[in-house]
């Protein structure tokens, strides 16, 4: 499977044991090898010293609604807070 990244935002680099880490949020297309066609979605990926860390795990987020639903659930459970977002103000 091949992944094409269309857009990306990322955190400011932060140091962990002498390495620069960034968390990236990406809009991607997954090119499926089994003849199933292309699949669009989103993912979070880690970068260490500027290189993608695919072994650190990733999960495709199907669409924006799925992401918002997860954030809303986390806010409702009380462990996700961000005053900039109306659904997750403490």
N, C-alpha and C. Protein backbone atom coordinates (compact mmCIF):
# COMPACT_ATOMS: atom_id res chain seq x y z
N UNK A 1 0.85 -1.17 0.00
CA UNK A 1 0.00 0.00 0.00
C UNK A 1 0.90 1.24 0.00
N UNK A 2 0.52 2.21 -0.78
CA UNK A 2 1.24 3.47 -0.86
C UNK A 2 0.35 4.57 -0.30
N UNK A 3 0.96 5.50 0.41
CA UNK A 3 0.21 6.62 0.99
C UNK A 3 0.72 7.92 0.37
N UNK A 4 -0.21 8.72 -0.12
CA UNK A 4 0.12 10.03 -0.67
C UNK A 4 -0.41 11.09 0.31
N UNK A 5 0.48 11.94 0.80
CA UNK A 5 0.11 13.00 1.73
C UNK A 5 -0.22 14.25 0.93
N UNK A 6 -1.43 14.78 1.14
CA UNK A 6 -1.86 15.99 0.42
C UNK A 6 -1.64 17.25 1.26
N UNK A 7 -1.95 17.17 2.54
CA UNK A 7 -1.82 18.31 3.44
C UNK A 7 -1.30 17.83 4.78
N UNK A 8 -0.62 18.73 5.50
CA UNK A 8 -0.05 18.34 6.80
C UNK A 8 0.06 19.56 7.71
N UNK A 9 -0.27 19.36 8.96
CA UNK A 9 0.05 20.31 10.02
C UNK A 9 0.83 19.53 11.06
N UNK A 10 1.68 20.23 11.81
CA UNK A 10 2.47 19.52 12.81
C UNK A 10 2.78 20.42 13.99
N UNK A 11 3.14 19.77 15.09
CA UNK A 11 3.52 20.50 16.28
C UNK A 11 4.90 21.13 16.08
N UNK A 12 5.23 22.05 16.96
CA UNK A 12 6.60 22.54 16.99
C UNK A 12 7.49 21.38 17.45
N UNK A 13 8.71 21.27 16.93
CA UNK A 13 9.60 20.19 17.37
C UNK A 13 9.87 20.29 18.87
N UNK A 14 9.94 19.13 19.52
CA UNK A 14 10.29 19.11 20.94
C UNK A 14 11.34 18.03 21.15
N UNK A 15 12.22 18.29 22.10
CA UNK A 15 13.38 17.41 22.34
C UNK A 15 13.03 16.29 23.31
N UNK A 16 13.38 15.06 22.92
CA UNK A 16 13.29 13.90 23.80
C UNK A 16 14.60 13.14 23.64
N UNK A 17 15.40 13.16 24.69
CA UNK A 17 16.68 12.44 24.71
C UNK A 17 17.55 12.75 23.50
N UNK A 18 17.62 14.03 23.16
CA UNK A 18 18.51 14.46 22.08
C UNK A 18 17.94 14.33 20.68
N UNK A 19 16.68 13.94 20.56
CA UNK A 19 16.04 13.83 19.25
C UNK A 19 14.88 14.81 19.16
N UNK A 20 14.66 15.35 17.97
CA UNK A 20 13.58 16.30 17.73
C UNK A 20 12.35 15.55 17.22
N UNK A 21 11.27 15.60 17.99
CA UNK A 21 10.02 14.92 17.66
C UNK A 21 8.97 15.93 17.25
N UNK A 22 8.09 15.53 16.31
CA UNK A 22 6.94 16.31 15.89
C UNK A 22 5.77 15.35 15.70
N UNK A 23 4.57 15.79 16.09
CA UNK A 23 3.37 15.03 15.80
C UNK A 23 2.68 15.69 14.62
N UNK A 24 2.40 14.90 13.58
CA UNK A 24 1.82 15.42 12.34
C UNK A 24 0.39 14.92 12.19
N UNK A 25 -0.47 15.77 11.66
CA UNK A 25 -1.82 15.40 11.27
C UNK A 25 -1.89 15.60 9.77
N UNK A 26 -2.24 14.53 9.04
CA UNK A 26 -2.14 14.57 7.59
C UNK A 26 -3.45 14.16 6.91
N UNK A 27 -3.74 14.81 5.77
CA UNK A 27 -4.82 14.37 4.88
C UNK A 27 -4.16 13.57 3.77
N UNK A 28 -4.60 12.33 3.57
CA UNK A 28 -3.90 11.41 2.69
C UNK A 28 -4.84 10.64 1.78
N UNK A 29 -4.23 10.02 0.77
CA UNK A 29 -4.90 9.01 -0.05
C UNK A 29 -4.09 7.73 0.07
N UNK A 30 -4.77 6.64 0.41
CA UNK A 30 -4.15 5.32 0.47
C UNK A 30 -4.40 4.64 -0.87
N UNK A 31 -3.33 4.26 -1.57
CA UNK A 31 -3.41 3.54 -2.83
C UNK A 31 -3.40 2.04 -2.49
N UNK A 32 -4.55 1.40 -2.58
CA UNK A 32 -4.67 0.01 -2.19
C UNK A 32 -4.08 -0.90 -3.27
N UNK A 33 -3.40 -1.94 -2.86
CA UNK A 33 -2.75 -2.86 -3.80
C UNK A 33 -3.65 -4.01 -4.21
N UNK A 34 -4.78 -4.18 -3.55
CA UNK A 34 -5.63 -5.34 -3.81
C UNK A 34 -6.75 -5.04 -4.81
N UNK A 35 -6.61 -3.98 -5.58
CA UNK A 35 -7.61 -3.64 -6.56
C UNK A 35 -8.84 -2.94 -6.00
N UNK A 36 -8.79 -2.55 -4.75
CA UNK A 36 -9.93 -1.89 -4.11
C UNK A 36 -9.99 -0.39 -4.42
N UNK A 37 -9.03 0.12 -5.16
CA UNK A 37 -9.05 1.55 -5.50
C UNK A 37 -8.36 2.39 -4.45
N UNK A 38 -8.64 3.69 -4.50
CA UNK A 38 -8.03 4.64 -3.58
C UNK A 38 -8.97 4.89 -2.41
N UNK A 39 -8.38 5.16 -1.24
CA UNK A 39 -9.16 5.48 -0.05
C UNK A 39 -8.59 6.77 0.54
N UNK A 40 -9.46 7.78 0.70
CA UNK A 40 -9.05 9.05 1.28
C UNK A 40 -9.31 9.04 2.78
N UNK A 41 -8.51 9.80 3.53
CA UNK A 41 -8.73 9.92 4.96
C UNK A 41 -7.66 10.76 5.61
N UNK A 42 -7.52 10.60 6.90
CA UNK A 42 -6.60 11.39 7.72
C UNK A 42 -5.80 10.44 8.60
N UNK A 43 -4.65 10.91 9.08
CA UNK A 43 -3.87 10.11 10.02
C UNK A 43 -2.99 11.02 10.87
N UNK A 44 -2.58 10.48 12.00
CA UNK A 44 -1.55 11.09 12.83
C UNK A 44 -0.29 10.29 12.62
N UNK A 45 0.84 10.97 12.50
CA UNK A 45 2.14 10.30 12.34
C UNK A 45 3.19 11.05 13.14
N UNK A 46 4.13 10.32 13.68
CA UNK A 46 5.27 10.92 14.37
C UNK A 46 6.42 11.12 13.40
N UNK A 47 7.15 12.20 13.60
CA UNK A 47 8.43 12.44 12.91
C UNK A 47 9.51 12.55 13.98
N UNK A 48 10.60 11.88 13.76
CA UNK A 48 11.77 11.96 14.65
C UNK A 48 12.93 12.45 13.80
N UNK A 49 13.48 13.59 14.19
CA UNK A 49 14.58 14.20 13.44
C UNK A 49 14.23 14.35 11.96
N UNK A 50 12.96 14.72 11.69
CA UNK A 50 12.51 14.98 10.34
C UNK A 50 12.09 13.76 9.53
N UNK A 51 12.19 12.56 10.09
CA UNK A 51 11.86 11.34 9.35
C UNK A 51 10.60 10.70 9.94
N UNK A 52 9.68 10.27 9.04
CA UNK A 52 8.46 9.61 9.49
C UNK A 52 8.80 8.35 10.27
N UNK A 53 8.07 8.11 11.34
CA UNK A 53 8.27 6.95 12.20
C UNK A 53 7.10 5.99 12.01
N UNK A 54 7.08 5.29 10.89
CA UNK A 54 5.96 4.41 10.57
C UNK A 54 5.84 3.26 11.56
N UNK A 55 6.92 2.84 12.18
CA UNK A 55 6.87 1.75 13.15
C UNK A 55 6.23 2.20 14.46
N UNK A 56 6.03 3.48 14.65
CA UNK A 56 5.41 4.01 15.87
C UNK A 56 3.89 3.88 15.82
N UNK A 57 3.37 3.41 14.73
CA UNK A 57 1.93 3.19 14.63
C UNK A 57 1.21 4.35 13.98
N UNK A 58 0.18 4.01 13.27
CA UNK A 58 -0.67 5.02 12.66
C UNK A 58 -2.06 4.41 12.52
N UNK A 59 -3.02 5.26 12.39
CA UNK A 59 -4.39 4.80 12.17
C UNK A 59 -5.06 5.77 11.21
N UNK A 60 -5.71 5.22 10.20
CA UNK A 60 -6.42 6.06 9.25
C UNK A 60 -7.73 6.51 9.88
N UNK A 61 -7.99 7.79 9.81
CA UNK A 61 -9.25 8.37 10.27
C UNK A 61 -10.07 8.61 9.01
N UNK A 62 -11.23 7.99 8.92
CA UNK A 62 -11.98 7.96 7.67
C UNK A 62 -12.41 9.34 7.17
N UNK A 63 -12.86 10.19 8.08
CA UNK A 63 -13.30 11.51 7.65
C UNK A 63 -13.30 12.47 8.84
N UNK A 64 -13.56 13.73 8.54
CA UNK A 64 -13.53 14.76 9.59
C UNK A 64 -14.57 14.49 10.67
N UNK A 65 -15.74 13.98 10.29
CA UNK A 65 -16.79 13.70 11.27
C UNK A 65 -16.32 12.65 12.29
N UNK A 66 -15.59 11.65 11.83
CA UNK A 66 -15.08 10.62 12.73
C UNK A 66 -14.11 11.23 13.73
N UNK A 67 -13.25 12.12 13.26
CA UNK A 67 -12.30 12.78 14.15
C UNK A 67 -13.03 13.63 15.19
N UNK A 68 -13.98 14.44 14.74
CA UNK A 68 -14.74 15.29 15.66
C UNK A 68 -15.52 14.44 16.66
N UNK A 69 -16.12 13.35 16.19
CA UNK A 69 -16.85 12.45 17.10
C UNK A 69 -15.93 11.92 18.20
N UNK A 70 -14.73 11.52 17.83
CA UNK A 70 -13.79 11.01 18.84
C UNK A 70 -13.40 12.11 19.83
N UNK A 71 -13.12 13.31 19.32
CA UNK A 71 -12.78 14.42 20.20
C UNK A 71 -13.94 14.78 21.13
N UNK A 72 -15.16 14.76 20.59
CA UNK A 72 -16.33 15.04 21.42
C UNK A 72 -16.52 13.99 22.51
N UNK A 73 -16.30 12.72 22.17
CA UNK A 73 -16.42 11.65 23.16
C UNK A 73 -15.38 11.82 24.27
N UNK A 74 -14.15 12.15 23.88
CA UNK A 74 -13.09 12.34 24.88
C UNK A 74 -13.41 13.54 25.77
N UNK A 75 -13.95 14.60 25.18
CA UNK A 75 -14.33 15.77 25.97
C UNK A 75 -15.46 15.42 26.94
N UNK A 76 -16.45 14.64 26.46
CA UNK A 76 -17.57 14.24 27.31
C UNK A 76 -17.12 13.37 28.48
N UNK A 77 -16.06 12.58 28.25
CA UNK A 77 -15.51 11.75 29.33
C UNK A 77 -14.60 12.54 30.25
N UNK A 78 -14.30 13.79 29.88
CA UNK A 78 -13.55 14.67 30.75
C UNK A 78 -12.04 14.63 30.63
N UNK A 79 -11.50 13.96 29.62
CA UNK A 79 -10.04 13.90 29.52
C UNK A 79 -9.48 14.66 28.33
N UNK A 80 -10.31 15.35 27.56
CA UNK A 80 -9.84 16.20 26.47
C UNK A 80 -10.43 17.58 26.66
N UNK A 81 -9.57 18.58 26.85
CA UNK A 81 -10.02 19.95 27.10
C UNK A 81 -9.27 20.91 26.19
N UNK A 82 -9.99 21.82 25.58
CA UNK A 82 -9.39 22.89 24.82
C UNK A 82 -10.39 24.03 24.76
N UNK A 83 -10.08 25.15 25.40
CA UNK A 83 -11.04 26.24 25.46
C UNK A 83 -11.37 26.86 24.09
N UNK A 84 -10.57 26.58 23.06
CA UNK A 84 -10.84 27.12 21.74
C UNK A 84 -11.99 26.39 21.04
N UNK A 85 -12.32 25.19 21.52
CA UNK A 85 -13.36 24.37 20.89
C UNK A 85 -14.60 24.34 21.77
N UNK A 86 -15.72 24.72 21.20
CA UNK A 86 -16.94 24.87 22.00
C UNK A 86 -17.37 23.57 22.66
N UNK A 87 -17.11 22.43 22.05
CA UNK A 87 -17.57 21.17 22.63
C UNK A 87 -16.65 20.61 23.71
N UNK A 88 -15.51 21.23 23.94
CA UNK A 88 -14.60 20.65 24.95
C UNK A 88 -14.02 21.69 25.90
N UNK A 89 -14.86 22.61 26.32
CA UNK A 89 -14.43 23.59 27.32
C UNK A 89 -14.68 23.00 28.69
N UNK A 90 -13.70 23.11 29.54
CA UNK A 90 -13.80 22.53 30.90
C UNK A 90 -14.78 23.29 31.75
